[in-house]
């Protein structure tokens, strides 16, 4: 038997309730990475942030982090 969990396991609603911004994306490969990178560029373009904090071991974010540094933003990677 294959059990299909509820979409998002209810995590999105719990995160929203805790005050986090949540954006649902498709389950296609790299969809979440692409959406996060686009959002990072958008907030950097609008100068809405002074610091970028990323919790990830995905080296695919290296380029966007270098871009943040070039824009004189602080970066924290965990």
N, C-alpha and C. Protein backbone atom coordinates (compact mmCIF):
# COMPACT_ATOMS: atom_id res chain seq x y z
N UNK A 1 0.82 -1.19 0.00
CA UNK A 1 0.00 0.00 0.00
C UNK A 1 0.86 1.25 0.00
N UNK A 2 0.48 2.21 -0.80
CA UNK A 2 1.17 3.50 -0.82
C UNK A 2 0.29 4.51 -0.11
N UNK A 3 0.85 5.15 0.89
CA UNK A 3 0.11 6.16 1.64
C UNK A 3 0.53 7.52 1.13
N UNK A 4 -0.41 8.31 0.70
CA UNK A 4 -0.13 9.66 0.24
C UNK A 4 -0.45 10.64 1.36
N UNK A 5 0.57 11.33 1.87
CA UNK A 5 0.33 12.27 2.97
C UNK A 5 -0.45 13.49 2.51
N UNK A 6 -1.07 14.16 3.46
CA UNK A 6 -1.74 15.41 3.13
C UNK A 6 -0.72 16.37 2.56
N UNK A 7 -1.16 17.24 1.68
CA UNK A 7 -0.26 18.20 1.05
C UNK A 7 0.43 19.04 2.11
N UNK A 8 1.75 19.00 2.11
CA UNK A 8 2.54 19.82 3.03
C UNK A 8 2.50 19.35 4.47
N UNK A 9 1.86 18.23 4.74
CA UNK A 9 1.78 17.69 6.10
C UNK A 9 1.18 18.69 7.08
N UNK A 10 0.55 19.76 6.60
CA UNK A 10 0.01 20.78 7.49
C UNK A 10 1.08 21.75 7.98
N UNK A 11 2.30 21.58 7.51
CA UNK A 11 3.41 22.41 7.97
C UNK A 11 3.24 23.87 7.58
N UNK A 12 2.75 24.12 6.38
CA UNK A 12 2.60 25.51 5.91
C UNK A 12 1.70 26.30 6.84
N UNK A 13 0.59 25.73 7.23
CA UNK A 13 -0.34 26.44 8.12
C UNK A 13 0.29 26.69 9.48
N UNK A 14 1.05 25.73 9.98
CA UNK A 14 1.71 25.91 11.27
C UNK A 14 2.77 27.01 11.19
N UNK A 15 3.51 27.06 10.09
CA UNK A 15 4.52 28.10 9.93
C UNK A 15 3.87 29.47 9.82
N UNK A 16 2.77 29.56 9.08
CA UNK A 16 2.05 30.84 8.97
C UNK A 16 1.55 31.29 10.33
N UNK A 17 1.01 30.34 11.09
CA UNK A 17 0.50 30.66 12.42
C UNK A 17 1.62 31.18 13.33
N UNK A 18 2.84 30.70 13.09
CA UNK A 18 3.99 31.13 13.88
C UNK A 18 4.57 32.45 13.38
N UNK A 19 3.99 33.01 12.31
CA UNK A 19 4.44 34.31 11.83
C UNK A 19 5.39 34.28 10.65
N UNK A 20 5.62 33.11 10.07
CA UNK A 20 6.51 33.01 8.92
C UNK A 20 5.74 33.23 7.63
N UNK A 21 6.44 33.75 6.61
CA UNK A 21 5.88 33.91 5.28
C UNK A 21 6.07 32.57 4.57
N UNK A 22 5.02 32.05 3.97
CA UNK A 22 5.07 30.74 3.32
C UNK A 22 4.57 30.87 1.89
N UNK A 23 5.32 30.32 0.97
CA UNK A 23 4.89 30.28 -0.43
C UNK A 23 4.96 28.83 -0.90
N UNK A 24 3.84 28.30 -1.31
CA UNK A 24 3.80 26.92 -1.81
C UNK A 24 4.30 26.90 -3.25
N UNK A 25 5.09 25.88 -3.59
CA UNK A 25 5.60 25.72 -4.95
C UNK A 25 5.28 24.31 -5.43
N UNK A 26 5.47 24.08 -6.72
CA UNK A 26 5.19 22.75 -7.27
C UNK A 26 6.21 21.74 -6.74
N UNK A 27 5.93 20.48 -6.97
CA UNK A 27 6.85 19.44 -6.52
C UNK A 27 7.85 19.04 -7.61
N UNK A 28 7.97 19.88 -8.63
CA UNK A 28 8.93 19.61 -9.70
C UNK A 28 10.35 19.80 -9.17
N UNK A 29 11.33 19.09 -9.76
CA UNK A 29 12.72 19.25 -9.31
C UNK A 29 13.17 20.71 -9.38
N UNK A 30 13.83 21.14 -8.35
CA UNK A 30 14.41 22.49 -8.25
C UNK A 30 13.38 23.60 -8.14
N UNK A 31 12.09 23.29 -8.04
CA UNK A 31 11.06 24.34 -7.97
C UNK A 31 11.24 25.22 -6.74
N UNK A 32 11.51 24.60 -5.60
CA UNK A 32 11.68 25.37 -4.37
C UNK A 32 12.95 26.22 -4.44
N UNK A 33 14.04 25.65 -4.94
CA UNK A 33 15.29 26.41 -5.07
C UNK A 33 15.10 27.61 -5.98
N UNK A 34 14.45 27.39 -7.11
CA UNK A 34 14.23 28.47 -8.07
C UNK A 34 13.37 29.58 -7.45
N UNK A 35 12.31 29.19 -6.76
CA UNK A 35 11.43 30.18 -6.14
C UNK A 35 12.17 30.97 -5.06
N UNK A 36 12.99 30.29 -4.28
CA UNK A 36 13.74 30.98 -3.23
C UNK A 36 14.76 31.95 -3.82
N UNK A 37 15.47 31.54 -4.85
CA UNK A 37 16.44 32.43 -5.50
C UNK A 37 15.74 33.65 -6.09
N UNK A 38 14.60 33.44 -6.74
CA UNK A 38 13.86 34.57 -7.31
C UNK A 38 13.42 35.54 -6.21
N UNK A 39 12.97 35.00 -5.10
CA UNK A 39 12.54 35.85 -3.99
C UNK A 39 13.73 36.62 -3.40
N UNK A 40 14.87 35.96 -3.28
CA UNK A 40 16.06 36.62 -2.75
C UNK A 40 16.47 37.80 -3.64
N UNK A 41 16.46 37.60 -4.95
CA UNK A 41 16.81 38.68 -5.88
C UNK A 41 15.80 39.81 -5.76
N UNK A 42 14.52 39.47 -5.66
CA UNK A 42 13.48 40.49 -5.55
C UNK A 42 13.68 41.37 -4.31
N UNK A 43 13.92 40.76 -3.17
CA UNK A 43 14.08 41.58 -1.95
C UNK A 43 15.39 42.35 -1.97
N UNK A 44 16.42 41.79 -2.64
CA UNK A 44 17.68 42.54 -2.76
C UNK A 44 17.49 43.73 -3.69
N UNK A 45 16.77 43.54 -4.81
CA UNK A 45 16.52 44.63 -5.75
C UNK A 45 15.76 45.77 -5.08
N UNK A 46 14.82 45.42 -4.23
CA UNK A 46 14.00 46.43 -3.55
C UNK A 46 14.67 46.97 -2.28
N UNK A 47 15.85 46.45 -1.98
CA UNK A 47 16.60 46.84 -0.77
C UNK A 47 15.75 46.67 0.49
N UNK A 48 15.03 45.56 0.54
CA UNK A 48 14.17 45.27 1.69
C UNK A 48 14.93 44.56 2.81
N UNK A 49 16.15 44.14 2.55
CA UNK A 49 16.93 43.41 3.56
C UNK A 49 18.34 43.97 3.65
N UNK A 50 18.94 43.79 4.82
CA UNK A 50 20.34 44.15 5.02
C UNK A 50 21.20 42.91 5.23
N UNK A 51 20.52 41.79 5.48
CA UNK A 51 21.23 40.54 5.78
C UNK A 51 20.45 39.37 5.18
N UNK A 52 21.18 38.44 4.59
CA UNK A 52 20.58 37.22 4.04
C UNK A 52 21.04 36.06 4.91
N UNK A 53 20.08 35.33 5.47
CA UNK A 53 20.38 34.15 6.28
C UNK A 53 19.86 32.93 5.55
N UNK A 54 20.72 31.97 5.31
CA UNK A 54 20.34 30.77 4.57
C UNK A 54 20.73 29.54 5.39
N UNK A 55 19.76 28.67 5.62
CA UNK A 55 20.02 27.40 6.29
C UNK A 55 19.91 26.32 5.23
N UNK A 56 21.05 25.88 4.71
CA UNK A 56 21.06 24.90 3.63
C UNK A 56 22.46 24.35 3.43
N UNK A 57 22.53 23.13 2.94
CA UNK A 57 23.83 22.57 2.54
C UNK A 57 23.90 22.45 1.02
N UNK A 58 23.01 23.14 0.33
CA UNK A 58 22.91 23.10 -1.13
C UNK A 58 23.87 24.12 -1.74
N UNK A 59 24.89 23.63 -2.43
CA UNK A 59 25.88 24.53 -3.04
C UNK A 59 25.28 25.33 -4.19
N UNK A 60 24.08 25.00 -4.61
CA UNK A 60 23.42 25.73 -5.69
C UNK A 60 23.08 27.17 -5.32
N UNK A 61 23.19 27.51 -4.04
CA UNK A 61 22.89 28.87 -3.60
C UNK A 61 24.15 29.76 -3.54
N UNK A 62 25.30 29.21 -3.88
CA UNK A 62 26.55 29.96 -3.78
C UNK A 62 26.53 31.25 -4.61
N UNK A 63 26.04 31.15 -5.83
CA UNK A 63 26.03 32.32 -6.72
C UNK A 63 25.17 33.46 -6.17
N UNK A 64 24.00 33.13 -5.65
CA UNK A 64 23.11 34.17 -5.13
C UNK A 64 23.69 34.78 -3.85
N UNK A 65 24.43 33.98 -3.07
CA UNK A 65 25.07 34.51 -1.87
C UNK A 65 26.21 35.46 -2.24
N UNK A 66 26.96 35.12 -3.30
CA UNK A 66 28.00 36.03 -3.77
C UNK A 66 27.38 37.34 -4.27
N UNK A 67 26.24 37.23 -4.93
CA UNK A 67 25.55 38.43 -5.39
C UNK A 67 25.15 39.30 -4.20
N UNK A 68 24.68 38.68 -3.15
CA UNK A 68 24.30 39.43 -1.94
C UNK A 68 25.52 40.15 -1.37
N UNK A 69 26.66 39.46 -1.32
CA UNK A 69 27.88 40.10 -0.81
C UNK A 69 28.31 41.26 -1.70
N UNK A 70 28.19 41.09 -3.02
CA UNK A 70 28.54 42.17 -3.95
C UNK A 70 27.65 43.38 -3.75
N UNK A 71 26.44 43.15 -3.26
CA UNK A 71 25.51 44.25 -2.98
C UNK A 71 25.71 44.80 -1.57
N UNK A 72 26.80 44.37 -0.92
CA UNK A 72 27.16 44.82 0.43
C UNK A 72 26.14 44.41 1.49
N UNK A 73 25.52 43.27 1.29
CA UNK A 73 24.63 42.72 2.30
C UNK A 73 25.41 41.73 3.15
N UNK A 74 25.05 41.65 4.41
CA UNK A 74 25.65 40.64 5.27
C UNK A 74 25.04 39.30 4.89
N UNK A 75 25.82 38.25 4.97
CA UNK A 75 25.30 36.92 4.69
C UNK A 75 25.67 35.99 5.84
N UNK A 76 24.73 35.15 6.20
CA UNK A 76 24.94 34.13 7.23
C UNK A 76 24.45 32.82 6.64
N UNK A 77 25.33 31.83 6.62
CA UNK A 77 24.96 30.52 6.09
C UNK A 77 25.15 29.49 7.19
N UNK A 78 24.09 28.74 7.42
CA UNK A 78 24.14 27.70 8.46
C UNK A 78 23.94 26.36 7.79
